[in-house]
Amino acid sequence: ACLWWGLGTLVDSSNRNTWIRDQNLDGAEINFGHQYTRAMMYAISVLATMYGDVSATNLNEMVFTMAVMLLSGVVFAMVLGKITQLVLSFGEHRAEFRKQLKVALMFLKGNSVGVELQHRI
């Protein structure tokens, strides 16, 4: 949000149209809380890939927006990959446990251990 606001004010000095002017946030009567809320709205909407009413209006802002969207897509893919890996590792641990349990039961039956003792083990 802070980078987005900074980009809008940086480009603002060149007298081109920016998202700050587009949203009418450059007036002295607009308080900091409203400005910050608009910038945060942009940040959340871009990261969640929901394009809101705050959008890029010049080339620099468009490039910045594309970079943030690409970066957020990569981060999302990495997080999803790690979650998938974690779920798969739970399945592997469970399969290993069942394999060891099967070997133990075969050992107990092979050595004529009583059923009651097998259940207790």
N, C-alpha and C. Protein backbone atom coordinates (compact mmCIF):
# COMPACT_ATOMS: atom_id res chain seq x y z
N ALA A 1 0.83 -1.19 0.00
CA ALA A 1 0.00 0.00 0.00
C ALA A 1 0.87 1.25 0.00
N CYS A 2 1.94 1.22 0.78
CA CYS A 2 2.82 2.39 0.86
C CYS A 2 3.57 2.59 -0.45
N LEU A 3 4.00 1.51 -1.08
CA LEU A 3 4.68 1.63 -2.38
C LEU A 3 3.74 2.18 -3.44
N TRP A 4 2.49 1.72 -3.41
CA TRP A 4 1.50 2.18 -4.37
C TRP A 4 1.24 3.67 -4.18
N TRP A 5 1.11 4.12 -2.93
CA TRP A 5 0.90 5.54 -2.66
C TRP A 5 2.14 6.34 -3.10
N GLY A 6 3.31 5.81 -2.78
CA GLY A 6 4.54 6.50 -3.17
C GLY A 6 4.67 6.63 -4.67
N LEU A 7 4.30 5.61 -5.40
CA LEU A 7 4.35 5.67 -6.86
C LEU A 7 3.39 6.74 -7.39
N GLY A 8 2.23 6.83 -6.79
CA GLY A 8 1.26 7.85 -7.21
C GLY A 8 1.74 9.26 -6.94
N THR A 9 2.42 9.47 -5.83
CA THR A 9 2.92 10.81 -5.53
C THR A 9 4.19 11.12 -6.31
N LEU A 10 4.99 10.12 -6.60
CA LEU A 10 6.22 10.32 -7.36
C LEU A 10 5.89 10.75 -8.79
N VAL A 11 4.97 10.07 -9.41
CA VAL A 11 4.58 10.39 -10.77
C VAL A 11 3.76 11.67 -10.80
N ASP A 12 3.11 12.00 -9.68
CA ASP A 12 2.28 13.20 -9.60
C ASP A 12 3.08 14.46 -9.88
N SER A 13 4.37 14.49 -9.54
CA SER A 13 5.18 15.68 -9.75
C SER A 13 5.43 15.95 -11.23
N SER A 14 5.26 14.97 -12.09
CA SER A 14 5.48 15.16 -13.53
C SER A 14 4.22 15.69 -14.22
N ASN A 15 3.19 15.98 -13.45
CA ASN A 15 1.96 16.58 -13.94
C ASN A 15 1.16 15.65 -14.87
N ARG A 16 1.34 14.34 -14.72
CA ARG A 16 0.55 13.37 -15.48
C ARG A 16 -0.58 12.87 -14.60
N ASN A 17 -1.54 12.23 -15.23
CA ASN A 17 -2.65 11.67 -14.47
C ASN A 17 -2.18 10.45 -13.70
N THR A 18 -2.56 10.36 -12.45
CA THR A 18 -2.20 9.23 -11.60
C THR A 18 -3.46 8.68 -10.95
N TRP A 19 -3.29 7.55 -10.28
CA TRP A 19 -4.44 6.96 -9.59
C TRP A 19 -4.89 7.86 -8.46
N ILE A 20 -3.99 8.63 -7.87
CA ILE A 20 -4.37 9.55 -6.78
C ILE A 20 -5.30 10.62 -7.30
N ARG A 21 -4.98 11.20 -8.47
CA ARG A 21 -5.87 12.19 -9.06
C ARG A 21 -7.17 11.56 -9.54
N ASP A 22 -7.06 10.35 -10.08
CA ASP A 22 -8.25 9.66 -10.57
C ASP A 22 -9.25 9.40 -9.45
N GLN A 23 -8.74 9.13 -8.25
CA GLN A 23 -9.60 8.88 -7.08
C GLN A 23 -9.90 10.15 -6.28
N ASN A 24 -9.43 11.30 -6.76
CA ASN A 24 -9.62 12.60 -6.08
C ASN A 24 -9.06 12.58 -4.66
N LEU A 25 -7.86 12.05 -4.51
CA LEU A 25 -7.23 11.96 -3.19
C LEU A 25 -6.12 12.98 -3.01
N ASP A 26 -5.94 13.90 -3.95
CA ASP A 26 -4.84 14.84 -3.87
C ASP A 26 -5.21 16.15 -3.20
N GLY A 27 -6.43 16.30 -2.76
CA GLY A 27 -6.86 17.53 -2.11
C GLY A 27 -6.45 17.58 -0.65
N ALA A 28 -6.32 18.79 -0.12
CA ALA A 28 -5.91 18.97 1.28
C ALA A 28 -7.02 18.56 2.25
N GLU A 29 -8.28 18.52 1.78
CA GLU A 29 -9.39 18.18 2.67
C GLU A 29 -9.51 16.68 2.90
N ILE A 30 -8.78 15.87 2.14
CA ILE A 30 -8.81 14.42 2.31
C ILE A 30 -7.84 14.03 3.42
N ASN A 31 -8.33 13.30 4.41
CA ASN A 31 -7.47 12.95 5.54
C ASN A 31 -6.61 11.72 5.24
N PHE A 32 -5.60 11.52 6.05
CA PHE A 32 -4.64 10.44 5.86
C PHE A 32 -5.32 9.07 5.91
N GLY A 33 -6.27 8.91 6.81
CA GLY A 33 -6.96 7.63 6.95
C GLY A 33 -7.67 7.22 5.67
N HIS A 34 -8.30 8.17 5.01
CA HIS A 34 -9.00 7.87 3.75
C HIS A 34 -7.99 7.51 2.66
N GLN A 35 -6.88 8.25 2.60
CA GLN A 35 -5.85 7.96 1.61
C GLN A 35 -5.25 6.57 1.84
N TYR A 36 -4.96 6.25 3.09
CA TYR A 36 -4.37 4.95 3.41
C TYR A 36 -5.35 3.82 3.10
N THR A 37 -6.62 4.04 3.39
CA THR A 37 -7.63 3.02 3.12
C THR A 37 -7.72 2.73 1.63
N ARG A 38 -7.67 3.76 0.81
CA ARG A 38 -7.70 3.57 -0.65
C ARG A 38 -6.47 2.81 -1.15
N ALA A 39 -5.30 3.17 -0.63
CA ALA A 39 -4.07 2.48 -1.03
C ALA A 39 -4.11 1.01 -0.57
N MET A 40 -4.61 0.76 0.64
CA MET A 40 -4.71 -0.60 1.14
C MET A 40 -5.75 -1.40 0.35
N MET A 41 -6.82 -0.74 -0.06
CA MET A 41 -7.83 -1.39 -0.90
C MET A 41 -7.20 -1.89 -2.19
N TYR A 42 -6.34 -1.07 -2.79
CA TYR A 42 -5.63 -1.48 -4.00
C TYR A 42 -4.75 -2.69 -3.71
N ALA A 43 -3.97 -2.63 -2.64
CA ALA A 43 -3.04 -3.71 -2.32
C ALA A 43 -3.77 -5.03 -2.11
N ILE A 44 -4.85 -5.00 -1.37
CA ILE A 44 -5.61 -6.23 -1.11
C ILE A 44 -6.28 -6.74 -2.38
N SER A 45 -6.83 -5.85 -3.17
CA SER A 45 -7.52 -6.30 -4.39
C SER A 45 -6.55 -6.88 -5.40
N VAL A 46 -5.34 -6.35 -5.50
CA VAL A 46 -4.36 -6.91 -6.44
C VAL A 46 -3.84 -8.25 -5.93
N LEU A 47 -3.56 -8.36 -4.65
CA LEU A 47 -3.06 -9.62 -4.11
C LEU A 47 -4.12 -10.71 -4.16
N ALA A 48 -5.38 -10.35 -4.04
CA ALA A 48 -6.46 -11.32 -4.09
C ALA A 48 -7.00 -11.49 -5.50
N THR A 49 -6.37 -10.85 -6.47
CA THR A 49 -6.75 -10.84 -7.90
C THR A 49 -8.20 -10.43 -8.13
N MET A 50 -8.70 -9.57 -7.26
CA MET A 50 -10.02 -8.98 -7.46
C MET A 50 -9.79 -7.52 -7.82
N TYR A 51 -9.96 -7.19 -9.06
CA TYR A 51 -9.68 -5.81 -9.45
C TYR A 51 -10.80 -4.92 -8.96
N GLY A 52 -10.47 -3.93 -8.15
CA GLY A 52 -11.46 -3.05 -7.55
C GLY A 52 -11.56 -1.74 -8.29
N ASP A 53 -12.08 -0.71 -7.62
CA ASP A 53 -12.26 0.58 -8.25
C ASP A 53 -10.99 1.43 -8.26
N VAL A 54 -9.95 0.99 -7.57
CA VAL A 54 -8.65 1.67 -7.61
C VAL A 54 -7.80 0.92 -8.63
N SER A 55 -7.38 1.62 -9.68
CA SER A 55 -6.61 0.96 -10.73
C SER A 55 -5.54 1.89 -11.28
N ALA A 56 -4.62 1.31 -12.02
CA ALA A 56 -3.52 2.07 -12.60
C ALA A 56 -4.04 2.98 -13.71
N THR A 57 -3.45 4.19 -13.81
CA THR A 57 -3.89 5.13 -14.83
C THR A 57 -2.76 5.54 -15.77
N ASN A 58 -1.51 5.20 -15.46
CA ASN A 58 -0.42 5.53 -16.37
C ASN A 58 0.52 4.32 -16.49
N LEU A 59 1.50 4.42 -17.37
CA LEU A 59 2.36 3.29 -17.68
C LEU A 59 3.13 2.78 -16.46
N ASN A 60 3.69 3.68 -15.67
CA ASN A 60 4.45 3.25 -14.48
C ASN A 60 3.57 2.47 -13.51
N GLU A 61 2.36 2.95 -13.30
CA GLU A 61 1.45 2.26 -12.39
C GLU A 61 1.02 0.91 -12.96
N MET A 62 0.86 0.83 -14.28
CA MET A 62 0.49 -0.44 -14.90
C MET A 62 1.61 -1.47 -14.77
N VAL A 63 2.84 -1.05 -14.99
CA VAL A 63 3.98 -1.96 -14.85
C VAL A 63 4.10 -2.43 -13.40
N PHE A 64 3.94 -1.52 -12.46
CA PHE A 64 4.00 -1.87 -11.04
C PHE A 64 2.90 -2.88 -10.70
N THR A 65 1.69 -2.64 -11.20
CA THR A 65 0.57 -3.53 -10.93
C THR A 65 0.82 -4.92 -11.51
N MET A 66 1.33 -4.98 -12.73
CA MET A 66 1.63 -6.29 -13.33
C MET A 66 2.69 -7.03 -12.53
N ALA A 67 3.72 -6.32 -12.09
CA ALA A 67 4.78 -6.96 -11.30
C ALA A 67 4.23 -7.50 -9.99
N VAL A 68 3.40 -6.73 -9.32
CA VAL A 68 2.81 -7.18 -8.05
C VAL A 68 1.90 -8.38 -8.28
N MET A 69 1.13 -8.36 -9.36
CA MET A 69 0.23 -9.50 -9.64
C MET A 69 1.04 -10.76 -9.96
N LEU A 70 2.10 -10.63 -10.74
CA LEU A 70 2.94 -11.79 -11.05
C LEU A 70 3.61 -12.33 -9.78
N LEU A 71 4.13 -11.44 -8.97
CA LEU A 71 4.77 -11.85 -7.71
C LEU A 71 3.77 -12.54 -6.79
N SER A 72 2.58 -11.99 -6.69
CA SER A 72 1.57 -12.61 -5.81
C SER A 72 1.15 -13.97 -6.35
N GLY A 73 1.10 -14.13 -7.68
CA GLY A 73 0.79 -15.43 -8.25
C GLY A 73 1.85 -16.47 -7.94
N VAL A 74 3.11 -16.06 -8.02
CA VAL A 74 4.22 -16.96 -7.69
C VAL A 74 4.17 -17.35 -6.22
N VAL A 75 3.96 -16.39 -5.35
CA VAL A 75 3.89 -16.68 -3.91
C VAL A 75 2.72 -17.61 -3.62
N PHE A 76 1.57 -17.36 -4.24
CA PHE A 76 0.40 -18.22 -4.05
C PHE A 76 0.71 -19.65 -4.49
N ALA A 77 1.37 -19.80 -5.64
CA ALA A 77 1.71 -21.13 -6.14
C ALA A 77 2.67 -21.84 -5.20
N MET A 78 3.63 -21.10 -4.64
CA MET A 78 4.58 -21.71 -3.71
C MET A 78 3.88 -22.17 -2.44
N VAL A 79 2.99 -21.36 -1.90
CA VAL A 79 2.26 -21.74 -0.69
C VAL A 79 1.38 -22.95 -0.95
N LEU A 80 0.69 -22.95 -2.08
CA LEU A 80 -0.17 -24.09 -2.42
C LEU A 80 0.66 -25.36 -2.60
N GLY A 81 1.84 -25.23 -3.21
CA GLY A 81 2.73 -26.38 -3.37
C GLY A 81 3.19 -26.94 -2.04
N LYS A 82 3.53 -26.06 -1.10
CA LYS A 82 3.97 -26.51 0.22
C LYS A 82 2.84 -27.20 0.98
N ILE A 83 1.63 -26.68 0.86
CA ILE A 83 0.48 -27.32 1.52
C ILE A 83 0.25 -28.70 0.93
N THR A 84 0.33 -28.80 -0.40
CA THR A 84 0.16 -30.10 -1.05
C THR A 84 1.23 -31.08 -0.60
N GLN A 85 2.45 -30.61 -0.52
CA GLN A 85 3.57 -31.45 -0.07
C GLN A 85 3.34 -31.93 1.37
N LEU A 86 2.83 -31.05 2.22
CA LEU A 86 2.56 -31.41 3.61
C LEU A 86 1.47 -32.48 3.70
N VAL A 87 0.40 -32.31 2.93
CA VAL A 87 -0.68 -33.30 2.94
C VAL A 87 -0.19 -34.65 2.44
N LEU A 88 0.62 -34.65 1.39
CA LEU A 88 1.16 -35.90 0.87
C LEU A 88 2.09 -36.58 1.87
N SER A 89 2.86 -35.80 2.61
CA SER A 89 3.77 -36.40 3.59
C SER A 89 2.98 -37.07 4.72
N PHE A 90 1.81 -36.52 5.07
CA PHE A 90 0.97 -37.19 6.07
C PHE A 90 0.54 -38.56 5.57
N GLY A 91 0.18 -38.66 4.30
CA GLY A 91 -0.21 -39.94 3.72
C GLY A 91 0.94 -40.93 3.70
N GLU A 92 2.15 -40.45 3.43
CA GLU A 92 3.32 -41.33 3.42
C GLU A 92 3.61 -41.87 4.82
N HIS A 93 3.50 -41.01 5.83
CA HIS A 93 3.72 -41.45 7.22
C HIS A 93 2.69 -42.49 7.64
N ARG A 94 1.46 -42.27 7.22
CA ARG A 94 0.40 -43.21 7.57
C ARG A 94 0.64 -44.55 6.89
N ALA A 95 1.07 -44.54 5.64
CA ALA A 95 1.35 -45.78 4.91
C ALA A 95 2.51 -46.52 5.56
N GLU A 96 3.54 -45.80 5.98
CA GLU A 96 4.69 -46.43 6.65
C GLU A 96 4.27 -47.05 7.98
N PHE A 97 3.40 -46.34 8.72
CA PHE A 97 2.90 -46.88 9.99
C PHE A 97 2.12 -48.17 9.77
N ARG A 98 1.24 -48.17 8.76
CA ARG A 98 0.46 -49.38 8.48
C ARG A 98 1.36 -50.54 8.06
N LYS A 99 2.39 -50.24 7.30
CA LYS A 99 3.33 -51.29 6.87
C LYS A 99 4.03 -51.90 8.09
N GLN A 100 4.49 -51.05 9.01
CA GLN A 100 5.17 -51.55 10.20
C GLN A 100 4.19 -52.32 11.10
N LEU A 101 2.96 -51.86 11.18
CA LEU A 101 1.95 -52.56 11.97
C LEU A 101 1.67 -53.94 11.39
N LYS A 102 1.61 -54.03 10.08
CA LYS A 102 1.37 -55.31 9.43
C LYS A 102 2.52 -56.28 9.69
N VAL A 103 3.74 -55.78 9.63
CA VAL A 103 4.91 -56.62 9.92
C VAL A 103 4.88 -57.10 11.36
N ALA A 104 4.51 -56.21 12.29
CA ALA A 104 4.44 -56.58 13.70
C ALA A 104 3.37 -57.64 13.94
N LEU A 105 2.21 -57.49 13.31
CA LEU A 105 1.15 -58.48 13.48
C LEU A 105 1.55 -59.84 12.90
N MET A 106 2.23 -59.80 11.76
CA MET A 106 2.71 -61.07 11.18
C MET A 106 3.72 -61.74 12.10
N PHE A 107 4.57 -60.96 12.74
CA PHE A 107 5.55 -61.50 13.69
C PHE A 107 4.85 -62.14 14.88
N LEU A 108 3.84 -61.41 15.41
CA LEU A 108 3.11 -61.92 16.57
C LEU A 108 2.38 -63.22 16.24
N LYS A 109 1.73 -63.27 15.09
CA LYS A 109 1.03 -64.49 14.69
C LYS A 109 2.01 -65.62 14.39
N GLY A 110 3.14 -65.28 13.77
CA GLY A 110 4.14 -66.29 13.45
C GLY A 110 4.78 -66.91 14.68
N ASN A 111 4.80 -66.18 15.78
CA ASN A 111 5.38 -66.68 17.02
C ASN A 111 4.32 -67.14 18.01
N SER A 112 3.12 -67.36 17.52
CA SER A 112 2.00 -67.91 18.30
C SER A 112 1.71 -67.12 19.58
N VAL A 113 1.71 -65.78 19.43
CA VAL A 113 1.35 -64.92 20.57
C VAL A 113 -0.16 -64.91 20.64
N GLY A 114 -0.72 -65.01 21.82
CA GLY A 114 -2.16 -65.06 22.02
C GLY A 114 -2.85 -63.80 21.53
N VAL A 115 -4.13 -63.96 21.15
CA VAL A 115 -4.92 -62.86 20.60
C VAL A 115 -5.07 -61.74 21.62
N GLU A 116 -5.28 -62.09 22.89
CA GLU A 116 -5.45 -61.08 23.94
C GLU A 116 -4.18 -60.24 24.08
N LEU A 117 -3.04 -60.87 24.05
CA LEU A 117 -1.76 -60.17 24.15
C LEU A 117 -1.52 -59.34 22.88
N GLN A 118 -1.92 -59.84 21.72
CA GLN A 118 -1.77 -59.09 20.47
C GLN A 118 -2.56 -57.79 20.56
N HIS A 119 -3.77 -57.82 21.09
CA HIS A 119 -4.60 -56.61 21.20
C HIS A 119 -3.99 -55.62 22.17
N ARG A 120 -3.40 -56.10 23.24
CA ARG A 120 -2.77 -55.21 24.22
C ARG A 120 -1.54 -54.53 23.65
N ILE A 121 -0.80 -55.23 22.77
CA ILE A 121 0.40 -54.65 22.15
C ILE A 121 -0.03 -53.66 21.11
